[in-house]
Amino acid sequence: MKTIKILGTGCSKCKAVTDLVQNVVSENNIDAHIEKIEDIAEIMTFNVMSTPAIVIDGVIGIKGRVPSKNEVYELLTK
């Protein structure tokens, strides 16, 4: 099972990334646990200065932008 953390303070881009990741996971039956992290102090522990960011199994995959659906799929299936 993959552990996916979505880092963001709740802005519209952060919400869009959360929805996108949830859609890709459910559409492709990917075994994953999705966690939304909105606490600034916890986000800073990842050394992420611009959100939204996607962290998969402890590795930052994307930060500072909303990725395409294909990008998210590629990250989750590699």
C-alpha atoms as a PDB file:
ATOM      1  CA  MET A   1       0.000   0.000   0.000  1.00  0.00           C
ATOM      2  CA  LYS A   2       1.277   3.434  -0.936  1.00  0.00           C
ATOM      3  CA  THR A   3       1.152   6.277   1.560  1.00  0.00           C
ATOM      4  CA  ILE A   4       0.265   9.546  -0.143  1.00  0.00           C
ATOM      5  CA  LYS A   5       0.494  12.834   1.712  1.00  0.00           C
ATOM      6  CA  ILE A   6      -0.912  15.962   0.135  1.00  0.00           C
ATOM      7  CA  LEU A   7       0.668  19.052   1.632  1.00  0.00           C
ATOM      8  CA  GLY A   8      -1.288  22.281   1.439  1.00  0.00           C
ATOM      9  CA  THR A   9      -2.979  24.891   3.545  1.00  0.00           C
ATOM     10  CA  GLY A  10      -6.415  24.518   1.979  1.00  0.00           C
ATOM     11  CA  CYS A  11      -6.182  26.871  -1.003  1.00  0.00           C
ATOM     12  CA  SER A  12      -8.041  26.084  -4.218  1.00  0.00           C
ATOM     13  CA  LYS A  13      -4.949  24.523  -5.828  1.00  0.00           C
ATOM     14  CA  CYS A  14      -4.436  22.293  -2.802  1.00  0.00           C
ATOM     15  CA  LYS A  15      -8.058  21.146  -2.963  1.00  0.00           C
ATOM     16  CA  ALA A  16      -7.713  20.501  -6.705  1.00  0.00           C
ATOM     17  CA  VAL A  17      -4.652  18.303  -6.112  1.00  0.00           C
ATOM     18  CA  THR A  18      -6.472  16.371  -3.369  1.00  0.00           C
ATOM     19  CA  ASP A  19      -9.434  15.714  -5.676  1.00  0.00           C
ATOM     20  CA  LEU A  20      -7.128  14.750  -8.542  1.00  0.00           C
ATOM     21  CA  VAL A  21      -5.157  12.249  -6.460  1.00  0.00           C
ATOM     22  CA  GLN A  22      -8.334  10.725  -5.022  1.00  0.00           C
ATOM     23  CA  ASN A  23      -9.777  10.339  -8.522  1.00  0.00           C
ATOM     24  CA  VAL A  24      -6.636   8.686  -9.937  1.00  0.00           C
ATOM     25  CA  VAL A  25      -6.455   6.285  -6.976  1.00  0.00           C
ATOM     26  CA  SER A  26     -10.108   5.244  -7.219  1.00  0.00           C
ATOM     27  CA  GLU A  27     -10.271   5.069 -11.039  1.00  0.00           C
ATOM     28  CA  ASN A  28      -7.199   2.825 -11.197  1.00  0.00           C
ATOM     29  CA  ASN A  29      -7.861   0.749  -8.057  1.00  0.00           C
ATOM     30  CA  ILE A  30      -4.518   1.757  -6.558  1.00  0.00           C
ATOM     31  CA  ASP A  31      -3.981   0.493  -3.015  1.00  0.00           C
ATOM     32  CA  ALA A  32      -3.179   3.719  -1.194  1.00  0.00           C
ATOM     33  CA  HIS A  33      -3.803   5.663   1.981  1.00  0.00           C
ATOM     34  CA  ILE A  34      -4.280   9.389   1.320  1.00  0.00           C
ATOM     35  CA  GLU A  35      -3.549  11.899   4.055  1.00  0.00           C
ATOM     36  CA  LYS A  36      -4.112  15.666   3.790  1.00  0.00           C
ATOM     37  CA  ILE A  37      -1.630  17.753   5.783  1.00  0.00           C
ATOM     38  CA  GLU A  38      -2.612  21.381   6.349  1.00  0.00           C
ATOM     39  CA  ASP A  39      -0.483  22.226   9.391  1.00  0.00           C
ATOM     40  CA  ILE A  40       2.296  24.636   8.365  1.00  0.00           C
ATOM     41  CA  ALA A  41       4.745  23.263  10.933  1.00  0.00           C
ATOM     42  CA  GLU A  42       4.270  19.717   9.650  1.00  0.00           C
ATOM     43  CA  ILE A  43       4.553  20.853   6.015  1.00  0.00           C
ATOM     44  CA  MET A  44       7.860  22.547   6.857  1.00  0.00           C
ATOM     45  CA  THR A  45       9.300  19.211   8.069  1.00  0.00           C
ATOM     46  CA  PHE A  46       9.269  18.152   4.403  1.00  0.00           C
ATOM     47  CA  ASN A  47      11.295  21.273   3.382  1.00  0.00           C
ATOM     48  CA  VAL A  48       8.478  22.288   1.047  1.00  0.00           C
ATOM     49  CA  MET A  49       8.265  26.042   0.572  1.00  0.00           C
ATOM     50  CA  SER A  50       5.509  26.108  -2.049  1.00  0.00           C
ATOM     51  CA  THR A  51       2.314  24.111  -1.962  1.00  0.00           C
ATOM     52  CA  PRO A  52       0.532  22.056  -3.043  1.00  0.00           C
ATOM     53  CA  ALA A  53       2.897  19.117  -2.847  1.00  0.00           C
ATOM     54  CA  ILE A  54       2.456  15.379  -3.202  1.00  0.00           C
ATOM     55  CA  VAL A  55       4.609  13.066  -1.082  1.00  0.00           C
ATOM     56  CA  ILE A  56       4.512   9.364  -1.953  1.00  0.00           C
ATOM     57  CA  ASP A  57       6.061   6.933   0.511  1.00  0.00           C
ATOM     58  CA  GLY A  58       8.165   9.743   1.975  1.00  0.00           C
ATOM     59  CA  VAL A  59       9.450  11.086  -1.360  1.00  0.00           C
ATOM     60  CA  ILE A  60       8.324  14.452  -2.732  1.00  0.00           C
ATOM     61  CA  GLY A  61       6.897  13.838  -6.194  1.00  0.00           C
ATOM     62  CA  ILE A  62       5.468  17.220  -7.150  1.00  0.00           C
ATOM     63  CA  LYS A  63       5.503  20.589  -5.427  1.00  0.00           C
ATOM     64  CA  GLY A  64       4.274  24.086  -6.122  1.00  0.00           C
ATOM     65  CA  ARG A  65       1.794  23.276  -8.884  1.00  0.00           C
ATOM     66  CA  VAL A  66      -1.228  21.248  -9.908  1.00  0.00           C
ATOM     67  CA  PRO A  67      -0.045  18.269 -11.967  1.00  0.00           C
ATOM     68  CA  SER A  68      -1.858  16.617 -14.842  1.00  0.00           C
ATOM     69  CA  LYS A  69      -3.830  13.441 -14.295  1.00  0.00           C
ATOM     70  CA  ASN A  70      -1.201  11.501 -16.272  1.00  0.00           C
ATOM     71  CA  GLU A  71       1.611  12.838 -14.055  1.00  0.00           C
ATOM     72  CA  VAL A  72      -0.197  11.663 -10.926  1.00  0.00           C
ATOM     73  CA  TYR A  73      -0.857   8.253 -12.490  1.00  0.00           C
ATOM     74  CA  GLU A  74       2.829   7.901 -13.444  1.00  0.00           C
ATOM     75  CA  LEU A  75       3.948   8.811  -9.921  1.00  0.00           C
ATOM     76  CA  LEU A  76       1.579   6.326  -8.317  1.00  0.00           C
ATOM     77  CA  THR A  77       2.391   3.408 -10.596  1.00  0.00           C
ATOM     78  CA  LYS A  78       6.182   3.548 -10.755  1.00  0.00           C
END
